[in-house]
Protein backbone atom coordinates (compact mmCIF):
# COMPACT_ATOMS: atom_id res chain seq x y z
CA MET A 1 -0.14 0.07 -0.01
CA SER A 2 1.39 3.45 -1.10
CA TYR A 3 0.06 5.15 2.12
CA SER A 4 1.78 6.57 5.04
CA ILE A 5 1.05 6.50 8.88
CA PHE A 6 2.65 8.35 11.52
CA LEU A 7 3.15 7.20 15.10
CA LEU A 8 3.35 10.05 17.37
CA ARG A 9 3.10 10.08 21.30
CA PHE A 10 1.40 13.13 22.64
CA VAL A 11 1.11 14.52 26.17
CA ASP A 12 -1.07 17.53 26.87
CA GLY A 13 -1.47 18.27 23.14
CA GLU A 14 2.16 18.45 22.26
CA VAL A 15 4.38 15.82 20.66
CA VAL A 16 6.91 13.99 22.93
CA GLY A 17 9.84 11.64 22.26
CA LEU A 18 9.24 7.94 21.68
CA ASP A 19 11.46 5.54 23.41
CA ALA A 20 14.15 4.42 20.91
CA GLU A 21 15.11 1.31 22.92
CA ARG A 22 11.72 0.03 22.97
CA PHE A 23 11.26 0.65 19.15
CA ARG A 24 14.55 -1.33 18.61
CA GLN A 25 13.11 -4.23 20.86
CA VAL A 26 9.80 -4.33 18.98
CA THR A 27 11.03 -4.05 15.49
CA GLU A 28 14.42 -6.10 15.53
CA PRO A 29 12.56 -9.45 15.04
CA TYR A 30 11.20 -7.99 11.72
CA VAL A 31 14.07 -6.12 10.41
CA VAL A 32 15.50 -7.36 7.11
CA ALA A 33 17.30 -4.30 5.89
CA GLY A 34 18.54 -0.94 7.66
CA GLY A 35 18.10 -0.78 11.54
CA SER A 36 17.49 1.42 14.32
CA GLU A 37 20.89 3.19 14.23
CA GLU A 38 20.40 4.00 10.52
CA GLY A 39 17.01 5.96 10.54
CA PHE A 40 15.20 3.47 8.21
CA SER A 41 14.37 -0.11 8.50
CA MET A 42 12.60 -2.53 6.23
CA LEU A 43 10.35 -4.80 8.08
CA ARG A 44 8.95 -8.18 7.04
CA ALA A 45 5.96 -9.95 9.09
CA GLU A 46 5.47 -13.48 9.26
CA ASP A 47 3.07 -13.63 6.18
CA GLY A 48 5.94 -11.97 3.98
CA GLY A 49 4.50 -8.38 4.05
CA GLU A 50 6.74 -5.56 4.37
CA ALA A 51 6.98 -1.98 5.27
CA ASP A 52 9.39 0.93 5.03
CA VAL A 53 9.84 2.36 8.39
CA TYR A 54 11.51 5.81 8.95
CA HIS A 55 12.67 6.52 12.43
CA GLU A 56 15.32 9.08 13.29
CA THR A 57 16.45 9.86 16.84
CA HIS A 58 16.34 13.67 16.83
CA ASP A 59 17.58 14.50 20.27
CA GLU A 60 18.06 13.14 23.82
CA HIS A 61 14.35 12.98 24.42
CA GLY A 62 13.96 10.07 21.80
CA MET A 63 12.51 9.82 18.29
CA ARG A 64 9.88 12.52 17.57
CA CYS A 65 8.08 10.49 14.89
CA VAL A 66 8.16 6.96 13.42
CA THR A 67 6.81 6.91 9.64
CA ALA A 68 5.59 3.67 8.07
CA THR A 69 5.10 3.56 4.32
CA HIS A 70 4.68 1.05 1.38
CA PHE A 71 3.34 -1.31 3.89
CA ALA A 72 1.31 -4.66 3.33
CA CYS A 73 -2.12 -4.83 4.71
CA GLY A 74 -1.94 -8.37 6.33
CA ALA A 75 0.18 -9.18 9.30
CA MET A 76 2.28 -6.01 8.91
CA LEU A 77 -0.66 -4.01 10.20
CA GLY A 78 -0.58 -6.14 13.41
CA VAL A 79 3.12 -5.32 13.68
CA LEU A 80 2.64 -1.62 13.24
CA ALA A 81 -0.24 -1.67 15.69
CA ARG A 82 1.72 -3.46 18.58
CA LEU A 83 4.62 -1.22 17.78
CA GLY A 84 2.38 1.95 18.27
CA ALA A 85 0.78 0.51 21.55
CA ALA A 86 4.28 -0.44 22.84
CA LEU A 87 5.51 3.08 22.33
CA GLY A 88 2.41 4.42 23.74
CA ALA A 89 1.99 6.25 20.34
CA SER A 90 -1.08 7.23 18.51
CA ILE A 91 -1.46 6.27 14.84
CA ILE A 92 -2.14 9.20 12.65
CA PRO A 93 -3.02 8.04 9.13
CA GLN A 94 -2.07 10.52 6.32
CA SER A 95 -5.78 10.93 5.53
CA GLY A 96 -6.40 12.23 9.11
CA GLY A 97 -7.73 11.15 12.14
CA ALA A 98 -6.17 9.42 15.02
CA LEU A 99 -6.16 5.74 16.24
CA ILE A 100 -5.44 5.29 20.07
CA PHE A 101 -5.17 2.11 21.83
CA HIS A 102 -6.88 3.43 25.23
CA GLU A 103 -9.45 5.96 25.73
CA LYS A 104 -7.43 7.80 28.44
CA GLU A 105 -5.02 8.91 25.51
CA ARG A 106 -7.65 10.94 24.04
CA ARG A 107 -7.26 13.61 26.43
CA HIS A 108 -3.65 13.75 25.41
CA LEU A 109 -4.23 14.43 21.79
CA PRO A 110 -4.26 17.91 20.11
CA ALA A 111 -7.76 19.43 20.20
CA ASP A 112 -8.29 18.92 16.53
CA LEU A 113 -7.85 15.17 16.68
CA ARG A 114 -9.85 14.38 20.04
CA GLU A 115 -13.35 14.16 18.93
CA ASP A 116 -12.79 11.93 15.84
CA ALA A 117 -10.07 9.53 17.37
CA VAL A 118 -10.84 5.81 17.33
CA VAL A 119 -9.88 3.39 20.16
CA ILE A 120 -8.44 0.26 18.47
CA ALA A 121 -7.20 -3.06 19.83
CA PRO A 122 -3.36 -3.44 18.73
CA SER A 123 -3.90 -5.89 16.02
CA ALA A 124 -4.08 -6.32 12.13
CA GLY A 125 -7.77 -6.85 12.08
CA ALA A 126 -8.51 -3.62 14.09
CA MET A 127 -6.08 -1.51 12.16
CA ARG A 128 -7.61 -2.81 8.84
CA GLU A 129 -11.05 -2.25 9.93
CA ALA A 130 -10.16 1.34 11.08
CA PHE A 131 -8.80 2.22 7.70
CA ASP A 132 -11.74 0.74 5.73
CA ALA A 133 -14.11 2.91 7.91
CA ARG A 134 -12.19 6.06 6.92
């Protein structure tokens, strides 16, 4: 799929850093090219589906954003959902809206994302359903 999603963590409406070490732990089993130190990883899920993931560490506070593009809609959606949940991130599709994993996260979103945010489970099926509904 030639579509991008952004994994962003918000506190009080502001973007805060993502844990680079947690990112590495979650993605390491799926990396087939690049890596956490290179700012780019190609991931491959158990069904062979892939994703290009960009993840530069910008400062001592961690990564500001993880961007996934060219991702398969099978098991890779589950990998990306689990990554978002593990990082405490919201998933922001390029078409807008926000996907969150717990209702308590809604209050931390920027005001323009709060009302339409959808709570999903960290699974491929839930991600697919959320994308199809948009």
